[in-house]
Amino acid sequence: MSKSETGSKSRRTNRQREAGAVTRAETRRRVLAAAIEVFAESGYAAATVTKIAERADVSVQSLYSSWGSKRGLLRGMMESQVIGNNPGSVNPDDMPLAILGTFDPVAADPRDLIAHATHQFRLLAQRAAVGFRTYAQAAAIDPEAASDWQSLMEVRRMSIRNLLATIDPAHLRPGLTPEAAADTVWVIASPHTHQQLVGTAGFTYDEFEDWIRVTVCAALLPDRN
């Protein structure tokens, strides 16, 4: 085989690999989108892999090849809704930057930082409402899903600790450590609180955001003179 023939074959192989990667990525996207729809409509228990595959117009085998299991889709849904992008590994070290964006916590008043972070949590809660609800359903019947949910909540806890580390401890209530402050926020701004206030008590998201902001400020910061 000549060098030109070898080069041509190599280029064809690369194009085929690239096309295959694009196809696999599109299949993953379609399957995840279908899973989110079916989870929302049917709940976790009734959302069978067959239903999800049919909604995505793929085979069940393609679903398993793309995501491994229904639980893998559940995790993928939660991660995609948490980070608002294609799912990957949610790293608590990355979350402060994702939450803050261009907001400068060093130059800001702590109350402004809390208001900004609270608004970001409100947006997250709105886009992750289906994920919150579905994980609660899954955790009730699947011990491995329950363990996975606890792992995600620990990621959330560490993310909040990293975010609260941007506040000078001198701005916190006397005797309140940054770790205790972070755990306080972890409890107040939580999926459970979202379900209680929005899902059960009927709060609007504006009311929910305002309640979180006021409650966190009261818990973490000294009273204004």
Protein backbone atom coordinates (compact mmCIF):
# COMPACT_ATOMS: atom_id res chain seq x y z
CA MET A 1 0.00 0.00 0.00
CA SER A 2 1.38 3.40 -0.98
CA LYS A 3 1.84 6.30 1.42
CA SER A 4 -1.07 8.16 -0.18
CA GLU A 5 -3.34 5.14 0.22
CA THR A 6 -2.25 4.74 3.84
CA GLY A 7 -2.92 8.43 4.51
CA SER A 8 -6.34 8.26 2.87
CA LYS A 9 -7.29 5.20 4.92
CA SER A 10 -6.15 6.94 8.13
CA ARG A 11 -8.26 10.02 7.33
CA ARG A 12 -11.33 7.86 6.65
CA THR A 13 -10.79 6.07 9.96
CA ASN A 14 -10.52 9.38 11.83
CA ARG A 15 -13.69 10.70 10.18
CA GLN A 16 -15.52 7.51 11.10
CA ARG A 17 -14.36 7.82 14.72
CA GLU A 18 -15.43 11.47 14.86
CA ALA A 19 -18.83 10.64 13.36
CA GLY A 20 -19.24 7.80 15.84
CA ALA A 21 -18.40 10.09 18.77
CA VAL A 22 -20.95 12.66 17.57
CA THR A 23 -23.60 9.95 17.22
CA ARG A 24 -22.90 8.59 20.72
CA ALA A 25 -23.06 12.07 22.24
CA GLU A 26 -26.36 12.79 20.49
CA THR A 27 -27.78 9.46 21.69
CA ARG A 28 -26.79 10.28 25.28
CA ARG A 29 -28.43 13.69 24.99
CA ARG A 30 -31.66 12.28 23.54
CA VAL A 31 -31.87 9.51 26.12
CA LEU A 32 -31.30 11.95 29.00
CA ALA A 33 -33.92 14.38 27.65
CA ALA A 34 -36.39 11.51 27.32
CA ALA A 35 -35.62 10.30 30.85
CA ILE A 36 -36.29 13.74 32.32
CA GLU A 37 -39.66 13.85 30.57
CA VAL A 38 -40.65 10.35 31.68
CA PHE A 39 -39.43 10.87 35.26
CA ALA A 40 -41.54 14.05 35.44
CA GLU A 41 -44.62 12.36 34.03
CA SER A 42 -44.47 8.92 35.64
CA GLY A 43 -42.25 9.14 38.72
CA TYR A 44 -39.13 7.05 39.27
CA ALA A 45 -40.70 3.64 39.89
CA ALA A 46 -42.97 3.72 36.82
CA ALA A 47 -40.34 5.22 34.53
CA THR A 48 -39.11 1.98 32.98
CA VAL A 49 -36.10 1.83 30.70
CA THR A 50 -38.44 0.64 27.95
CA LYS A 51 -40.57 3.79 28.26
CA ILE A 52 -37.48 5.98 28.23
CA ALA A 53 -35.96 4.20 25.24
CA GLU A 54 -39.22 4.45 23.29
CA ARG A 55 -39.48 8.17 24.09
CA ALA A 56 -35.90 8.68 22.88
CA ASP A 57 -36.53 6.48 19.83
CA VAL A 58 -33.55 4.25 20.62
CA SER A 59 -33.18 0.60 21.59
CA VAL A 60 -33.00 -0.44 25.24
CA GLN A 61 -29.48 -1.67 24.54
CA SER A 62 -28.52 1.81 23.29
CA LEU A 63 -29.89 3.24 26.54
CA TYR A 64 -27.77 0.87 28.60
CA SER A 65 -24.72 1.53 26.42
CA SER A 66 -25.18 5.29 26.85
CA TRP A 67 -26.01 5.50 30.55
CA GLY A 68 -25.53 2.11 32.13
CA SER A 69 -28.80 2.00 34.05
CA LYS A 70 -31.90 3.92 35.06
CA ARG A 71 -30.00 5.03 38.14
CA GLY A 72 -27.26 6.38 35.89
CA LEU A 73 -29.88 8.45 34.09
CA LEU A 74 -31.18 9.70 37.43
CA ARG A 75 -27.71 10.87 38.38
CA GLY A 76 -27.17 12.38 34.94
CA MET A 77 -30.44 14.29 35.21
CA MET A 78 -29.53 15.69 38.61
CA GLU A 79 -26.05 16.73 37.53
CA SER A 80 -27.33 18.35 34.32
CA GLN A 81 -29.90 20.32 36.30
CA VAL A 82 -27.46 21.28 39.05
CA ILE A 83 -24.80 22.65 36.72
CA GLY A 84 -27.19 23.66 33.94
CA ASN A 85 -25.08 21.95 31.31
CA ASN A 86 -24.13 18.54 30.03
CA PRO A 87 -23.60 16.25 33.02
CA GLY A 88 -20.18 15.27 34.15
CA SER A 89 -18.57 15.10 37.55
CA VAL A 90 -19.92 17.70 39.97
CA ASN A 91 -16.83 19.00 41.74
CA PRO A 92 -17.42 21.03 44.91
CA ASP A 93 -14.22 22.96 44.25
CA ASP A 94 -15.74 24.27 41.02
CA MET A 95 -19.11 25.26 42.43
CA PRO A 96 -18.19 28.59 44.06
CA LEU A 97 -16.97 29.92 40.71
CA ALA A 98 -20.06 28.53 38.99
CA ILE A 99 -22.28 30.30 41.54
CA LEU A 100 -20.38 33.56 41.73
CA GLY A 101 -19.73 34.12 38.03
CA THR A 102 -18.42 37.68 37.74
CA PHE A 103 -19.55 38.58 41.28
CA ASP A 104 -16.57 39.60 43.45
CA PRO A 105 -17.10 38.26 47.00
CA VAL A 106 -14.04 40.03 48.38
CA ALA A 107 -15.25 43.52 47.48
CA ALA A 108 -18.90 42.81 48.29
CA ASP A 109 -20.85 43.27 51.50
CA PRO A 110 -21.70 39.81 52.95
CA ARG A 111 -25.41 40.58 52.64
CA ASP A 112 -24.95 41.25 48.93
CA LEU A 113 -23.04 37.99 48.58
CA ILE A 114 -25.84 36.08 50.34
CA ALA A 115 -28.44 37.79 48.15
CA HIS A 116 -26.51 36.82 45.02
CA ALA A 117 -25.98 33.21 46.14
CA THR A 118 -29.62 32.93 47.21
CA HIS A 119 -30.77 34.02 43.77
CA GLN A 120 -28.53 31.40 42.19
CA PHE A 121 -29.98 28.74 44.49
CA ARG A 122 -33.49 29.85 43.51
CA LEU A 123 -32.59 29.38 39.83
CA LEU A 124 -31.08 25.98 40.58
CA ALA A 125 -34.18 24.92 42.54
CA GLN A 126 -36.42 25.94 39.65
CA ARG A 127 -34.51 23.93 37.06
CA ALA A 128 -33.81 20.98 39.40
CA ALA A 129 -37.32 20.60 40.85
CA VAL A 130 -37.95 17.41 38.86
CA GLY A 131 -34.57 16.04 39.92
CA PHE A 132 -35.21 16.81 43.60
CA ARG A 133 -38.60 15.11 43.48
CA THR A 134 -37.44 12.09 41.49
CA TYR A 135 -34.44 11.45 43.73
CA ALA A 136 -36.70 11.52 46.80
CA GLN A 137 -38.91 8.90 45.12
CA ALA A 138 -35.93 6.77 44.12
CA ALA A 139 -34.28 6.96 47.54
CA ALA A 140 -37.46 5.62 49.15
CA ILE A 141 -37.30 2.36 47.17
CA ASP A 142 -33.68 1.95 46.09
CA PRO A 143 -30.89 1.84 48.72
CA GLU A 144 -28.24 2.55 46.09
CA ALA A 145 -30.15 5.62 44.88
CA ALA A 146 -30.46 6.72 48.51
CA SER A 147 -26.69 6.34 48.94
CA ASP A 148 -26.08 8.26 45.71
CA TRP A 149 -28.40 11.05 46.89
CA GLN A 150 -26.48 11.30 50.17
CA SER A 151 -23.26 11.55 48.16
CA LEU A 152 -24.70 14.41 46.10
CA MET A 153 -25.84 16.16 49.28
CA GLU A 154 -22.31 15.87 50.63
CA VAL A 155 -21.02 17.48 47.43
CA ARG A 156 -23.54 20.27 48.02
CA ARG A 157 -22.33 20.63 51.61
CA MET A 158 -18.69 20.93 50.56
CA SER A 159 -19.63 23.39 47.81
CA ILE A 160 -21.37 25.62 50.34
CA ARG A 161 -18.36 25.43 52.65
CA ASN A 162 -16.12 26.54 49.79
CA LEU A 163 -18.49 29.39 48.99
CA LEU A 164 -18.80 30.55 52.61
CA ALA A 165 -15.00 30.53 52.88
CA THR A 166 -15.07 33.70 50.75
CA ILE A 167 -16.69 35.59 53.67
CA ASP A 168 -14.30 37.04 56.24
CA PRO A 169 -15.08 35.27 59.56
CA ALA A 170 -15.06 38.70 61.22
CA HIS A 171 -18.35 39.42 59.41
CA LEU A 172 -20.12 36.42 60.96
CA ARG A 173 -22.05 36.36 64.21
CA PRO A 174 -19.72 36.19 67.24
CA GLY A 175 -18.79 32.60 67.98
CA LEU A 176 -20.05 31.28 64.64
CA THR A 177 -17.32 29.39 62.78
CA PRO A 178 -17.22 29.31 58.97
CA GLU A 179 -17.90 25.55 59.12
CA ALA A 180 -20.99 26.00 61.31
CA ALA A 181 -22.15 28.87 59.08
CA ALA A 182 -21.84 26.65 56.01
CA ASP A 183 -23.79 23.81 57.61
CA THR A 184 -26.49 26.29 58.61
CA VAL A 185 -26.84 27.38 54.98
CA TRP A 186 -26.74 23.73 53.89
CA VAL A 187 -29.86 23.08 55.97
CA ILE A 188 -31.73 26.29 55.13
CA ALA A 189 -31.06 26.32 51.36
CA SER A 190 -31.85 22.67 50.73
CA PRO A 191 -34.02 20.51 48.46
CA HIS A 192 -36.10 19.59 51.52
CA THR A 193 -36.80 23.26 52.27
CA HIS A 194 -37.71 23.80 48.62
CA GLN A 195 -40.23 20.95 48.78
CA GLN A 196 -41.71 22.17 52.05
CA LEU A 197 -42.10 25.81 51.02
CA VAL A 198 -42.77 25.61 47.27
CA GLY A 199 -44.23 22.13 46.95
CA THR A 200 -46.29 21.98 50.15
CA ALA A 201 -46.81 25.52 51.43
CA GLY A 202 -47.36 26.99 47.97
CA PHE A 203 -44.66 29.68 48.07
CA THR A 204 -43.91 31.40 44.79
CA TYR A 205 -40.25 31.33 43.79
CA ASP A 206 -39.96 35.03 44.60
CA GLU A 207 -41.28 34.34 48.11
CA PHE A 208 -39.00 31.31 48.40
CA GLU A 209 -35.91 33.33 47.43
CA ASP A 210 -36.81 36.12 49.84
CA TRP A 211 -37.35 33.67 52.72
CA ILE A 212 -33.99 31.98 52.11
CA ARG A 213 -32.15 35.31 51.92
CA VAL A 214 -33.69 36.76 55.07
CA THR A 215 -33.28 33.54 57.04
CA VAL A 216 -29.64 33.04 56.04
CA CYS A 217 -28.74 36.66 56.82
CA ALA A 218 -30.41 36.42 60.23
CA ALA A 219 -28.63 33.16 61.02
CA LEU A 220 -25.13 34.14 59.87
CA LEU A 221 -24.68 37.90 60.27
CA PRO A 222 -24.81 40.21 63.31
CA ASP A 223 -27.90 42.37 63.68
CA ARG A 224 -27.60 45.76 62.07
CA ASN A 225 -27.33 48.63 64.53
